[in-house]
């Protein structure tokens, strides 16, 4: 474990996807193990589960990394499915090619604080609360503005139709941050004598995967 420095960080947006892989089972384990006959995916392949994914709703629409692939199975790297629903059917859609968001200058991943539920009763003298559902995570990316950048064009196209994209961030030590989310329409700010900048926000489906090298 080490603290990271903001250099040599690559942010990529999925440009194309391969043929979906039919998944017939996902175990309740840590990590969950998916069964997909002759899937032919390589280690560290990134993809997402269709939404809906029958039975195991917790993984529906989320991005995952393939780990320890065998002929007919693969692990969902870092995903503990022990308490999830019982998987019935679904497809895993792997990313085929990536476009680098080379204009990015920084990012932030919000933690997704939980809602609070008021459980105060008439007898209570102090307000009572319980934790509710976690809020959806958001990821913010700052950068220089370049509307012709291939990754920016992909994000604009997705935003205009309220679509989703898969994003992979690779840190200098090889650690990865992966997620699937809805991007906002990229903005632009410009001032005299300065580089034009842009801001972008993703609303994450599920959660951000914080994966080792």
N, C-alpha and C. Protein backbone atom coordinates (compact mmCIF):
# COMPACT_ATOMS: atom_id res chain seq x y z
N UNK A 1 0.85 -1.19 0.00
CA UNK A 1 0.00 0.00 0.00
C UNK A 1 0.88 1.24 0.00
N UNK A 2 0.54 2.24 -0.85
CA UNK A 2 1.33 3.45 -0.90
C UNK A 2 0.46 4.62 -1.33
N UNK A 3 0.86 5.82 -0.92
CA UNK A 3 0.16 7.03 -1.34
C UNK A 3 0.59 7.36 -2.76
N UNK A 4 -0.37 7.73 -3.59
CA UNK A 4 -0.09 7.97 -5.00
C UNK A 4 0.21 9.44 -5.28
N UNK A 5 0.96 9.67 -6.34
CA UNK A 5 1.30 11.01 -6.81
C UNK A 5 0.68 11.22 -8.18
N UNK A 6 0.17 12.41 -8.43
CA UNK A 6 -0.54 12.70 -9.68
C UNK A 6 0.37 12.87 -10.87
N UNK A 7 0.97 11.77 -11.32
CA UNK A 7 1.74 11.79 -12.57
C UNK A 7 1.69 10.40 -13.19
N UNK A 8 1.86 10.37 -14.50
CA UNK A 8 1.82 9.11 -15.26
C UNK A 8 0.52 8.34 -14.99
N UNK A 9 -0.60 9.07 -14.95
CA UNK A 9 -1.92 8.48 -14.75
C UNK A 9 -2.68 8.52 -16.07
N UNK A 10 -3.17 7.38 -16.51
CA UNK A 10 -3.89 7.30 -17.78
C UNK A 10 -5.38 7.09 -17.51
N UNK A 11 -6.22 7.97 -18.08
CA UNK A 11 -7.68 7.83 -18.00
C UNK A 11 -8.18 7.46 -19.39
N UNK A 12 -8.91 6.34 -19.46
CA UNK A 12 -9.38 5.83 -20.75
C UNK A 12 -10.89 5.61 -20.74
N UNK A 13 -11.49 5.83 -21.89
CA UNK A 13 -12.92 5.64 -22.10
C UNK A 13 -13.11 4.52 -23.11
N UNK A 14 -14.03 3.59 -22.83
CA UNK A 14 -14.28 2.49 -23.76
C UNK A 14 -14.75 3.05 -25.10
N UNK A 15 -14.06 2.63 -26.18
CA UNK A 15 -14.42 3.09 -27.52
C UNK A 15 -15.30 2.09 -28.24
N UNK A 16 -14.97 0.79 -28.11
CA UNK A 16 -15.78 -0.26 -28.72
C UNK A 16 -15.87 -1.44 -27.76
N UNK A 17 -16.89 -2.28 -28.00
CA UNK A 17 -17.12 -3.44 -27.14
C UNK A 17 -17.13 -4.72 -27.99
N UNK A 18 -16.72 -5.83 -27.36
CA UNK A 18 -16.75 -7.13 -28.02
C UNK A 18 -18.14 -7.75 -27.88
N UNK A 19 -18.33 -8.88 -28.53
CA UNK A 19 -19.59 -9.61 -28.44
C UNK A 19 -19.87 -10.00 -26.99
N UNK A 20 -21.09 -9.75 -26.51
CA UNK A 20 -21.41 -10.12 -25.12
C UNK A 20 -21.20 -11.61 -24.85
N UNK A 21 -20.71 -11.91 -23.64
CA UNK A 21 -20.50 -13.29 -23.21
C UNK A 21 -21.69 -13.72 -22.35
N UNK A 22 -22.31 -14.83 -22.72
CA UNK A 22 -23.44 -15.35 -21.95
C UNK A 22 -22.92 -15.93 -20.64
N UNK A 23 -23.44 -15.44 -19.53
CA UNK A 23 -23.05 -15.93 -18.20
C UNK A 23 -24.21 -16.74 -17.64
N UNK A 24 -23.91 -17.96 -17.21
CA UNK A 24 -24.98 -18.85 -16.73
C UNK A 24 -25.01 -18.95 -15.20
N UNK A 25 -23.94 -18.50 -14.54
CA UNK A 25 -23.91 -18.56 -13.07
C UNK A 25 -22.86 -17.61 -12.54
N UNK A 26 -23.12 -17.09 -11.34
CA UNK A 26 -22.14 -16.33 -10.57
C UNK A 26 -22.25 -16.82 -9.13
N UNK A 27 -21.16 -17.28 -8.57
CA UNK A 27 -21.19 -17.81 -7.21
C UNK A 27 -21.33 -16.70 -6.18
N UNK A 28 -21.82 -17.09 -5.00
CA UNK A 28 -21.83 -16.18 -3.86
C UNK A 28 -20.56 -16.45 -3.07
N UNK A 29 -19.53 -15.67 -3.35
CA UNK A 29 -18.21 -15.92 -2.78
C UNK A 29 -17.40 -14.64 -2.85
N UNK A 30 -16.18 -14.69 -2.31
CA UNK A 30 -15.25 -13.55 -2.38
C UNK A 30 -13.91 -14.03 -2.94
N UNK A 31 -13.64 -13.77 -4.22
CA UNK A 31 -14.50 -13.03 -5.15
C UNK A 31 -15.55 -13.94 -5.78
N UNK A 32 -16.57 -13.33 -6.37
CA UNK A 32 -17.56 -14.10 -7.12
C UNK A 32 -16.93 -14.70 -8.36
N UNK A 33 -17.35 -15.91 -8.71
CA UNK A 33 -16.83 -16.61 -9.88
C UNK A 33 -17.96 -16.77 -10.89
N UNK A 34 -17.74 -16.27 -12.11
CA UNK A 34 -18.74 -16.34 -13.17
C UNK A 34 -18.46 -17.52 -14.08
N UNK A 35 -19.52 -18.19 -14.52
CA UNK A 35 -19.42 -19.28 -15.49
C UNK A 35 -19.89 -18.78 -16.85
N UNK A 36 -19.01 -18.91 -17.85
CA UNK A 36 -19.33 -18.50 -19.22
C UNK A 36 -18.56 -19.42 -20.16
N UNK A 37 -19.26 -20.28 -20.86
CA UNK A 37 -18.62 -21.33 -21.67
C UNK A 37 -17.74 -20.74 -22.77
N UNK A 38 -16.47 -21.17 -22.77
CA UNK A 38 -15.50 -20.78 -23.82
C UNK A 38 -15.47 -19.27 -24.05
N UNK A 39 -15.40 -18.51 -22.96
CA UNK A 39 -15.48 -17.04 -23.07
C UNK A 39 -14.25 -16.42 -23.75
N UNK A 40 -13.08 -17.04 -23.63
CA UNK A 40 -11.85 -16.61 -24.32
C UNK A 40 -11.39 -15.20 -23.93
N UNK A 41 -11.75 -14.74 -22.75
CA UNK A 41 -11.30 -13.42 -22.31
C UNK A 41 -9.97 -13.54 -21.56
N UNK A 42 -9.13 -12.54 -21.74
CA UNK A 42 -7.82 -12.53 -21.10
C UNK A 42 -7.91 -11.93 -19.70
N UNK A 43 -6.90 -12.22 -18.90
CA UNK A 43 -6.80 -11.62 -17.56
C UNK A 43 -6.80 -10.10 -17.66
N UNK A 44 -7.50 -9.43 -16.74
CA UNK A 44 -7.58 -7.97 -16.65
C UNK A 44 -8.48 -7.33 -17.72
N UNK A 45 -9.21 -8.16 -18.48
CA UNK A 45 -10.22 -7.60 -19.39
C UNK A 45 -11.27 -6.87 -18.56
N UNK A 46 -11.66 -5.69 -19.01
CA UNK A 46 -12.68 -4.90 -18.33
C UNK A 46 -13.98 -5.00 -19.12
N UNK A 47 -15.08 -5.14 -18.40
CA UNK A 47 -16.39 -5.18 -19.05
C UNK A 47 -17.48 -4.85 -18.06
N UNK A 48 -18.72 -5.02 -18.48
CA UNK A 48 -19.84 -4.73 -17.58
C UNK A 48 -20.94 -5.76 -17.77
N UNK A 49 -21.75 -5.92 -16.72
CA UNK A 49 -22.91 -6.81 -16.79
C UNK A 49 -24.11 -6.02 -17.31
N UNK A 50 -24.88 -6.69 -18.18
CA UNK A 50 -26.11 -6.08 -18.68
C UNK A 50 -27.01 -5.66 -17.53
N UNK A 51 -27.80 -4.64 -17.79
CA UNK A 51 -28.83 -4.23 -16.85
C UNK A 51 -30.17 -4.34 -17.59
N UNK A 52 -31.07 -5.29 -17.23
CA UNK A 52 -31.00 -6.07 -15.99
C UNK A 52 -30.14 -7.33 -16.11
N UNK A 53 -29.61 -7.76 -14.96
CA UNK A 53 -29.00 -9.08 -14.82
C UNK A 53 -29.89 -9.84 -13.85
N UNK A 54 -30.50 -10.90 -14.31
CA UNK A 54 -31.54 -11.57 -13.53
C UNK A 54 -30.98 -12.21 -12.26
N UNK A 55 -31.66 -11.94 -11.15
CA UNK A 55 -31.32 -12.57 -9.87
C UNK A 55 -30.33 -11.79 -9.04
N UNK A 56 -29.14 -11.54 -9.57
CA UNK A 56 -28.10 -10.84 -8.81
C UNK A 56 -28.10 -9.38 -9.24
N UNK A 57 -29.10 -8.63 -8.75
CA UNK A 57 -29.27 -7.23 -9.16
C UNK A 57 -28.09 -6.36 -8.78
N UNK A 58 -27.35 -6.76 -7.76
CA UNK A 58 -26.25 -5.94 -7.25
C UNK A 58 -25.14 -5.70 -8.27
N UNK A 59 -24.98 -6.61 -9.23
CA UNK A 59 -23.92 -6.44 -10.23
C UNK A 59 -24.44 -5.88 -11.54
N UNK A 60 -25.75 -5.73 -11.67
CA UNK A 60 -26.34 -5.28 -12.93
C UNK A 60 -25.83 -3.89 -13.32
N UNK A 61 -25.29 -3.79 -14.52
CA UNK A 61 -24.85 -2.50 -15.04
C UNK A 61 -23.49 -2.06 -14.60
N UNK A 62 -22.87 -2.77 -13.65
CA UNK A 62 -21.58 -2.36 -13.11
C UNK A 62 -20.40 -2.87 -13.91
N UNK A 63 -19.25 -2.19 -13.78
CA UNK A 63 -18.02 -2.58 -14.47
C UNK A 63 -17.18 -3.48 -13.57
N UNK A 64 -16.56 -4.50 -14.19
CA UNK A 64 -15.74 -5.46 -13.44
C UNK A 64 -14.53 -5.85 -14.27
N UNK A 65 -13.51 -6.33 -13.56
CA UNK A 65 -12.29 -6.80 -14.21
C UNK A 65 -12.23 -8.32 -14.13
N UNK A 66 -11.88 -8.95 -15.25
CA UNK A 66 -11.72 -10.40 -15.31
C UNK A 66 -10.42 -10.78 -14.61
N UNK A 67 -10.51 -11.73 -13.69
CA UNK A 67 -9.33 -12.20 -12.97
C UNK A 67 -9.30 -13.73 -13.00
N UNK A 68 -8.08 -14.30 -13.07
CA UNK A 68 -7.89 -15.75 -13.06
C UNK A 68 -8.81 -16.47 -14.04
N UNK A 69 -8.82 -16.06 -15.32
CA UNK A 69 -9.73 -16.71 -16.27
C UNK A 69 -9.32 -18.15 -16.56
N UNK A 70 -10.32 -19.04 -16.61
CA UNK A 70 -10.14 -20.42 -17.06
C UNK A 70 -11.01 -20.59 -18.30
N UNK A 71 -11.04 -21.78 -18.85
CA UNK A 71 -11.77 -22.00 -20.11
C UNK A 71 -13.22 -21.56 -20.01
N UNK A 72 -13.88 -21.89 -18.91
CA UNK A 72 -15.32 -21.63 -18.78
C UNK A 72 -15.69 -20.75 -17.59
N UNK A 73 -14.71 -20.21 -16.88
CA UNK A 73 -15.00 -19.39 -15.71
C UNK A 73 -14.05 -18.20 -15.63
N UNK A 74 -14.43 -17.21 -14.84
CA UNK A 74 -13.54 -16.10 -14.52
C UNK A 74 -14.00 -15.47 -13.21
N UNK A 75 -13.04 -14.94 -12.46
CA UNK A 75 -13.35 -14.26 -11.21
C UNK A 75 -13.72 -12.81 -11.48
N UNK A 76 -14.62 -12.27 -10.66
CA UNK A 76 -14.90 -10.83 -10.67
C UNK A 76 -13.92 -10.21 -9.68
N UNK A 77 -12.85 -9.65 -10.19
CA UNK A 77 -11.75 -9.21 -9.34
C UNK A 77 -12.22 -8.24 -8.26
N UNK A 78 -11.92 -8.60 -7.00
CA UNK A 78 -12.20 -7.72 -5.88
C UNK A 78 -13.65 -7.61 -5.48
N UNK A 79 -14.54 -8.41 -6.07
CA UNK A 79 -15.98 -8.28 -5.78
C UNK A 79 -16.46 -9.41 -4.87
N UNK A 80 -16.93 -9.05 -3.69
CA UNK A 80 -17.48 -10.01 -2.74
C UNK A 80 -18.98 -10.12 -2.98
N UNK A 81 -19.42 -11.25 -3.52
CA UNK A 81 -20.84 -11.45 -3.85
C UNK A 81 -21.55 -12.32 -2.82
N UNK A 82 -20.93 -12.54 -1.67
CA UNK A 82 -21.45 -13.48 -0.68
C UNK A 82 -22.90 -13.19 -0.29
N UNK A 83 -23.22 -11.92 -0.11
CA UNK A 83 -24.56 -11.56 0.37
C UNK A 83 -25.49 -11.10 -0.75
N UNK A 84 -25.08 -11.28 -2.00
CA UNK A 84 -25.89 -10.84 -3.13
C UNK A 84 -27.02 -11.82 -3.41
N UNK A 85 -27.92 -11.43 -4.29
CA UNK A 85 -29.00 -12.31 -4.70
C UNK A 85 -28.49 -13.50 -5.49
N UNK A 86 -29.38 -14.42 -5.81
CA UNK A 86 -29.01 -15.63 -6.54
C UNK A 86 -29.06 -15.37 -8.04
N UNK A 87 -27.92 -15.47 -8.69
CA UNK A 87 -27.81 -15.18 -10.12
C UNK A 87 -28.64 -16.18 -10.92
N UNK A 88 -29.37 -15.65 -11.92
CA UNK A 88 -30.17 -16.50 -12.80
C UNK A 88 -29.63 -16.48 -14.23
N UNK A 89 -29.48 -15.28 -14.77
CA UNK A 89 -28.96 -15.17 -16.14
C UNK A 89 -28.49 -13.75 -16.40
N UNK A 90 -27.62 -13.61 -17.39
CA UNK A 90 -27.12 -12.29 -17.75
C UNK A 90 -25.99 -12.39 -18.76
N UNK A 91 -25.55 -11.24 -19.24
CA UNK A 91 -24.44 -11.17 -20.20
C UNK A 91 -23.35 -10.26 -19.65
N UNK A 92 -22.10 -10.61 -19.96
CA UNK A 92 -20.96 -9.77 -19.63
C UNK A 92 -20.42 -9.20 -20.93
N UNK A 93 -20.33 -7.86 -21.01
CA UNK A 93 -19.94 -7.18 -22.25
C UNK A 93 -18.52 -6.64 -22.10
N UNK A 94 -17.52 -7.28 -22.73
CA UNK A 94 -16.13 -6.82 -22.56
C UNK A 94 -15.79 -5.63 -23.45
N UNK A 95 -14.92 -4.77 -22.94
CA UNK A 95 -14.41 -3.65 -23.74
C UNK A 95 -13.39 -4.19 -24.72
N UNK A 96 -13.49 -3.76 -25.98
CA UNK A 96 -12.55 -4.20 -27.02
C UNK A 96 -11.42 -3.20 -27.21
N UNK A 97 -11.75 -1.91 -27.29
CA UNK A 97 -10.72 -0.88 -27.50
C UNK A 97 -11.01 0.33 -26.61
N UNK A 98 -9.95 1.10 -26.36
CA UNK A 98 -10.04 2.26 -25.47
C UNK A 98 -9.57 3.53 -26.19
N UNK A 99 -10.09 4.68 -25.75
CA UNK A 99 -9.62 5.99 -26.19
C UNK A 99 -9.11 6.73 -24.95
N UNK A 100 -7.91 7.30 -25.03
CA UNK A 100 -7.30 7.97 -23.89
C UNK A 100 -7.79 9.40 -23.75
N UNK A 101 -8.21 9.76 -22.56
CA UNK A 101 -8.63 11.13 -22.27
C UNK A 101 -7.37 11.92 -21.93
N UNK A 102 -6.60 12.24 -22.97
CA UNK A 102 -5.26 12.81 -22.79
C UNK A 102 -5.28 14.25 -22.28
N UNK A 103 -6.44 14.90 -22.30
CA UNK A 103 -6.54 16.29 -21.86
C UNK A 103 -6.79 16.40 -20.35
N UNK A 104 -6.97 15.27 -19.66
CA UNK A 104 -7.29 15.29 -18.23
C UNK A 104 -6.13 15.83 -17.41
N UNK A 105 -6.44 16.65 -16.42
CA UNK A 105 -5.42 17.20 -15.51
C UNK A 105 -5.65 16.79 -14.06
N UNK A 106 -6.79 16.22 -13.76
CA UNK A 106 -7.06 15.79 -12.39
C UNK A 106 -8.42 15.12 -12.29
N UNK A 107 -8.60 14.34 -11.23
CA UNK A 107 -9.90 13.71 -11.00
C UNK A 107 -10.17 13.59 -9.52
N UNK A 108 -11.43 13.44 -9.17
CA UNK A 108 -11.82 13.18 -7.78
C UNK A 108 -12.95 12.16 -7.78
N UNK A 109 -12.90 11.22 -6.83
CA UNK A 109 -13.92 10.20 -6.68
C UNK A 109 -14.64 10.45 -5.36
N UNK A 110 -15.92 10.77 -5.44
CA UNK A 110 -16.70 11.01 -4.23
C UNK A 110 -17.02 9.69 -3.54
N UNK A 111 -17.14 9.75 -2.22
CA UNK A 111 -17.33 8.53 -1.45
C UNK A 111 -18.74 8.00 -1.43
N UNK A 112 -19.73 8.81 -1.69
CA UNK A 112 -21.11 8.33 -1.68
C UNK A 112 -21.65 8.19 -0.27
N UNK A 113 -21.83 9.32 0.44
CA UNK A 113 -22.33 9.28 1.83
C UNK A 113 -23.75 8.74 1.87
N UNK A 114 -24.07 8.04 2.96
CA UNK A 114 -25.39 7.43 3.09
C UNK A 114 -26.45 8.46 3.48
N UNK A 115 -27.69 8.21 3.07
CA UNK A 115 -28.82 9.00 3.55
C UNK A 115 -29.04 8.68 5.03
N UNK A 116 -29.73 9.58 5.71
CA UNK A 116 -30.11 9.31 7.10
C UNK A 116 -31.62 9.15 7.19
N UNK A 117 -32.06 8.20 8.00
CA UNK A 117 -33.48 7.94 8.20
C UNK A 117 -33.87 8.37 9.61
N UNK A 118 -34.87 9.21 9.72
CA UNK A 118 -35.33 9.70 11.02
C UNK A 118 -36.15 8.61 11.71
N UNK A 119 -35.66 8.11 12.85
CA UNK A 119 -36.37 7.07 13.61
C UNK A 119 -36.81 7.58 14.99
N UNK A 120 -36.94 8.89 15.12
CA UNK A 120 -37.31 9.49 16.40
C UNK A 120 -38.75 9.13 16.79
N UNK A 121 -38.95 8.76 18.06
CA UNK A 121 -40.27 8.42 18.59
C UNK A 121 -40.75 9.53 19.54
N UNK A 122 -42.00 9.50 19.89
CA UNK A 122 -42.55 10.50 20.81
C UNK A 122 -41.84 10.48 22.16
N UNK A 123 -41.39 9.31 22.60
CA UNK A 123 -40.73 9.19 23.90
C UNK A 123 -39.31 9.74 23.92
N UNK A 124 -38.72 9.89 22.76
CA UNK A 124 -37.30 10.30 22.71
C UNK A 124 -37.13 11.77 23.06
N UNK A 125 -35.99 12.09 23.71
CA UNK A 125 -35.62 13.47 24.00
C UNK A 125 -34.54 13.97 23.05
N UNK A 126 -33.87 13.03 22.40
CA UNK A 126 -32.84 13.36 21.41
C UNK A 126 -33.24 12.72 20.09
N UNK A 127 -33.05 13.44 19.01
CA UNK A 127 -33.41 12.93 17.70
C UNK A 127 -32.65 11.65 17.39
N UNK A 128 -33.34 10.64 16.87
CA UNK A 128 -32.74 9.35 16.55
C UNK A 128 -32.65 9.19 15.03
N UNK A 129 -31.52 8.65 14.59
CA UNK A 129 -31.33 8.45 13.15
C UNK A 129 -30.63 7.12 12.87
N UNK A 130 -30.92 6.56 11.72
CA UNK A 130 -30.21 5.38 11.23
C UNK A 130 -29.68 5.68 9.84
N UNK A 131 -28.64 4.94 9.46
CA UNK A 131 -28.08 5.11 8.13
C UNK A 131 -28.97 4.43 7.10
N UNK A 132 -29.23 5.12 6.00
CA UNK A 132 -30.02 4.56 4.92
C UNK A 132 -29.14 4.09 3.78
N UNK A 133 -29.63 4.21 2.56
CA UNK A 133 -28.87 3.77 1.39
C UNK A 133 -27.70 4.71 1.11
N UNK A 134 -26.61 4.13 0.61
CA UNK A 134 -25.50 4.95 0.15
C UNK A 134 -25.93 5.75 -1.07
N UNK A 135 -25.46 6.97 -1.16
CA UNK A 135 -25.73 7.78 -2.35
C UNK A 135 -24.92 7.25 -3.52
N UNK A 136 -25.38 7.50 -4.73
CA UNK A 136 -24.62 7.12 -5.92
C UNK A 136 -23.28 7.85 -5.92
N UNK A 137 -22.22 7.13 -6.26
CA UNK A 137 -20.92 7.77 -6.35
C UNK A 137 -20.84 8.65 -7.60
N UNK A 138 -20.06 9.70 -7.51
CA UNK A 138 -19.77 10.53 -8.67
C UNK A 138 -18.26 10.65 -8.83
N UNK A 139 -17.84 10.79 -10.07
CA UNK A 139 -16.43 11.00 -10.40
C UNK A 139 -16.33 12.28 -11.21
N UNK A 140 -15.48 13.20 -10.77
CA UNK A 140 -15.28 14.47 -11.46
C UNK A 140 -13.91 14.49 -12.12
N UNK A 141 -13.87 14.93 -13.37
CA UNK A 141 -12.62 15.02 -14.11
C UNK A 141 -12.43 16.45 -14.60
N UNK A 142 -11.26 17.01 -14.32
CA UNK A 142 -10.89 18.33 -14.82
C UNK A 142 -9.85 18.15 -15.93
N UNK A 143 -9.81 19.11 -16.86
CA UNK A 143 -8.83 19.00 -17.92
C UNK A 143 -8.83 20.21 -18.82
N UNK A 144 -7.97 20.17 -19.83
CA UNK A 144 -7.99 21.18 -20.87
C UNK A 144 -9.11 20.87 -21.85
N UNK A 145 -9.65 21.87 -22.48
CA UNK A 145 -10.75 21.67 -23.41
C UNK A 145 -10.23 21.32 -24.79
N UNK A 146 -10.71 20.21 -25.33
CA UNK A 146 -10.40 19.80 -26.70
C UNK A 146 -11.57 18.99 -27.22
N UNK A 147 -12.50 19.67 -27.85
CA UNK A 147 -13.73 19.03 -28.31
C UNK A 147 -13.47 17.98 -29.38
N UNK A 148 -12.28 18.01 -30.00
CA UNK A 148 -11.97 17.06 -31.07
C UNK A 148 -11.23 15.82 -30.56
N UNK A 149 -10.89 15.80 -29.28
CA UNK A 149 -10.26 14.62 -28.70
C UNK A 149 -11.22 13.44 -28.82
N UNK A 150 -10.71 12.27 -29.24
CA UNK A 150 -11.58 11.11 -29.51
C UNK A 150 -12.36 10.69 -28.27
N UNK A 151 -11.71 10.69 -27.10
CA UNK A 151 -12.41 10.29 -25.87
C UNK A 151 -13.48 11.31 -25.51
N UNK A 152 -13.20 12.59 -25.69
CA UNK A 152 -14.18 13.63 -25.41
C UNK A 152 -15.39 13.48 -26.33
N UNK A 153 -15.14 13.16 -27.59
CA UNK A 153 -16.24 12.96 -28.54
C UNK A 153 -17.13 11.79 -28.10
N UNK A 154 -16.52 10.72 -27.60
CA UNK A 154 -17.29 9.58 -27.10
C UNK A 154 -18.16 9.99 -25.92
N UNK A 155 -17.61 10.80 -25.04
CA UNK A 155 -18.35 11.24 -23.86
C UNK A 155 -19.50 12.17 -24.24
N UNK A 156 -19.27 13.05 -25.19
CA UNK A 156 -20.34 13.94 -25.65
C UNK A 156 -21.49 13.13 -26.26
N UNK A 157 -21.14 12.15 -27.08
CA UNK A 157 -22.17 11.34 -27.72
C UNK A 157 -22.99 10.58 -26.69
N UNK A 158 -22.33 10.03 -25.66
CA UNK A 158 -23.04 9.30 -24.62
C UNK A 158 -23.93 10.23 -23.81
N UNK A 159 -23.42 11.42 -23.48
CA UNK A 159 -24.18 12.38 -22.67
C UNK A 159 -25.46 12.82 -23.38
N UNK A 160 -25.38 13.00 -24.67
CA UNK A 160 -26.52 13.50 -25.43
C UNK A 160 -27.68 12.51 -25.50
N UNK A 161 -27.40 11.23 -25.25
CA UNK A 161 -28.48 10.23 -25.28
C UNK A 161 -28.66 9.59 -23.90
N UNK A 162 -28.12 10.23 -22.85
CA UNK A 162 -28.19 9.70 -21.49
C UNK A 162 -27.65 8.27 -21.43
N UNK A 163 -26.56 8.03 -22.17
CA UNK A 163 -25.96 6.70 -22.22
C UNK A 163 -24.88 6.51 -21.17
N UNK A 164 -24.32 5.31 -21.16
CA UNK A 164 -23.28 4.95 -20.20
C UNK A 164 -21.96 4.68 -20.92
N UNK A 165 -20.86 4.89 -20.21
CA UNK A 165 -19.55 4.54 -20.72
C UNK A 165 -18.77 3.82 -19.61
N UNK A 166 -17.83 2.98 -20.02
CA UNK A 166 -16.91 2.34 -19.08
C UNK A 166 -15.62 3.13 -19.08
N UNK A 167 -15.10 3.40 -17.88
CA UNK A 167 -13.88 4.20 -17.72
C UNK A 167 -12.85 3.39 -16.93
N UNK A 168 -11.60 3.47 -17.37
CA UNK A 168 -10.49 2.83 -16.66
C UNK A 168 -9.42 3.88 -16.37
N UNK A 169 -9.02 3.98 -15.10
CA UNK A 169 -7.93 4.86 -14.70
C UNK A 169 -6.77 3.99 -14.22
N UNK A 170 -5.61 4.14 -14.81
CA UNK A 170 -4.44 3.35 -14.43
C UNK A 170 -3.40 4.27 -13.81
N UNK A 171 -3.07 4.01 -12.55
CA UNK A 171 -2.12 4.85 -11.83
C UNK A 171 -0.68 4.44 -12.16
N UNK A 172 0.27 5.26 -11.71
CA UNK A 172 1.67 5.04 -12.07
C UNK A 172 2.22 3.72 -11.55
N UNK A 173 1.63 3.20 -10.46
CA UNK A 173 2.10 1.92 -9.90
C UNK A 173 1.30 0.73 -10.42
N UNK A 174 0.41 0.97 -11.38
CA UNK A 174 -0.37 -0.11 -11.98
C UNK A 174 -1.74 -0.34 -11.36
N UNK A 175 -2.03 0.32 -10.22
CA UNK A 175 -3.37 0.19 -9.65
C UNK A 175 -4.40 0.75 -10.62
N UNK A 176 -5.63 0.24 -10.52
CA UNK A 176 -6.68 0.65 -11.45
C UNK A 176 -7.94 1.10 -10.70
N UNK A 177 -8.62 2.06 -11.30
CA UNK A 177 -9.94 2.48 -10.86
C UNK A 177 -10.87 2.27 -12.05
N UNK A 178 -11.90 1.47 -11.89
CA UNK A 178 -12.79 1.20 -13.02
C UNK A 178 -14.24 1.46 -12.61
N UNK A 179 -15.03 1.92 -13.55
CA UNK A 179 -16.45 2.13 -13.29
C UNK A 179 -17.20 2.29 -14.61
N UNK A 180 -18.51 2.16 -14.51
CA UNK A 180 -19.40 2.45 -15.63
C UNK A 180 -20.36 3.52 -15.16
N UNK A 181 -20.49 4.58 -15.94
CA UNK A 181 -21.33 5.68 -15.48
C UNK A 181 -21.87 6.52 -16.61
N UNK A 182 -22.78 7.41 -16.23
CA UNK A 182 -23.36 8.36 -17.19
C UNK A 182 -22.56 9.66 -17.12
N UNK A 183 -21.99 10.10 -18.23
CA UNK A 183 -21.23 11.35 -18.22
C UNK A 183 -22.13 12.57 -18.41
N UNK A 184 -21.72 13.68 -17.83
CA UNK A 184 -22.37 14.95 -18.13
C UNK A 184 -21.83 15.46 -19.47
N UNK A 185 -22.51 16.41 -20.04
CA UNK A 185 -22.03 17.03 -21.27
C UNK A 185 -20.81 17.88 -20.90
N UNK A 186 -19.64 17.63 -21.50
CA UNK A 186 -18.44 18.38 -21.13
C UNK A 186 -18.64 19.89 -21.31
N UNK A 187 -18.22 20.66 -20.31
CA UNK A 187 -18.30 22.12 -20.39
C UNK A 187 -17.01 22.71 -20.92
N UNK A 188 -16.93 24.03 -20.92
CA UNK A 188 -15.71 24.71 -21.37
C UNK A 188 -15.62 26.07 -20.71
N UNK A 189 -14.44 26.40 -20.20
CA UNK A 189 -14.19 27.73 -19.63
C UNK A 189 -12.94 28.30 -20.29
N UNK A 190 -13.01 29.59 -20.65
CA UNK A 190 -11.87 30.23 -21.31
C UNK A 190 -11.71 31.65 -20.81
N UNK A 191 -10.46 32.09 -20.64
CA UNK A 191 -10.16 33.47 -20.23
C UNK A 191 -8.98 33.97 -21.06
N UNK A 192 -8.83 35.28 -21.11
CA UNK A 192 -7.77 35.90 -21.92
C UNK A 192 -6.40 35.37 -21.49
N UNK A 193 -5.63 34.91 -22.46
CA UNK A 193 -4.27 34.51 -22.21
C UNK A 193 -4.11 33.20 -21.46
N UNK A 194 -5.19 32.44 -21.34
CA UNK A 194 -5.10 31.16 -20.61
C UNK A 194 -5.63 30.03 -21.48
N UNK A 195 -5.19 28.82 -21.15
CA UNK A 195 -5.68 27.64 -21.82
C UNK A 195 -7.16 27.43 -21.48
N UNK A 196 -7.96 27.04 -22.46
CA UNK A 196 -9.35 26.69 -22.21
C UNK A 196 -9.40 25.40 -21.39
N UNK A 197 -10.26 25.39 -20.39
CA UNK A 197 -10.39 24.21 -19.53
C UNK A 197 -11.80 23.64 -19.63
N UNK A 198 -11.95 22.43 -19.11
CA UNK A 198 -13.24 21.75 -19.17
C UNK A 198 -13.48 20.98 -17.89
N UNK A 199 -14.74 20.77 -17.57
CA UNK A 199 -15.12 19.96 -16.41
C UNK A 199 -16.10 18.89 -16.87
N UNK A 200 -16.09 17.78 -16.16
CA UNK A 200 -16.92 16.64 -16.54
C UNK A 200 -17.26 15.87 -15.28
N UNK A 201 -18.50 15.38 -15.19
CA UNK A 201 -18.90 14.56 -14.05
C UNK A 201 -19.57 13.28 -14.53
N UNK A 202 -19.23 12.17 -13.86
CA UNK A 202 -19.87 10.88 -14.12
C UNK A 202 -20.72 10.50 -12.92
N UNK A 203 -21.92 10.01 -13.17
CA UNK A 203 -22.72 9.38 -12.13
C UNK A 203 -22.54 7.88 -12.28
N UNK A 204 -21.97 7.26 -11.25
CA UNK A 204 -21.52 5.87 -11.36
C UNK A 204 -22.67 4.89 -11.17
N UNK A 205 -22.69 3.85 -11.99
CA UNK A 205 -23.61 2.73 -11.82
C UNK A 205 -22.94 1.71 -10.91
N UNK A 206 -23.53 1.46 -9.76
CA UNK A 206 -22.88 0.57 -8.79
C UNK A 206 -21.84 1.33 -8.01
N UNK A 207 -20.59 0.93 -8.13
CA UNK A 207 -19.52 1.61 -7.41
C UNK A 207 -18.23 1.59 -8.23
N UNK A 208 -17.29 2.41 -7.80
CA UNK A 208 -15.97 2.45 -8.44
C UNK A 208 -15.13 1.29 -7.91
N UNK A 209 -14.59 0.48 -8.81
CA UNK A 209 -13.70 -0.60 -8.41
C UNK A 209 -12.31 -0.08 -8.15
N UNK A 210 -11.78 -0.33 -6.96
CA UNK A 210 -10.43 0.11 -6.58
C UNK A 210 -9.53 -1.13 -6.59
N UNK A 211 -8.86 -1.37 -7.69
CA UNK A 211 -8.19 -2.64 -7.93
C UNK A 211 -6.66 -2.51 -7.83
N UNK A 212 -6.01 -3.56 -7.37
CA UNK A 212 -4.55 -3.54 -7.25
C UNK A 212 -3.88 -3.64 -8.62
N UNK A 213 -2.56 -3.49 -8.63
CA UNK A 213 -1.80 -3.62 -9.87
C UNK A 213 -1.84 -5.05 -10.35
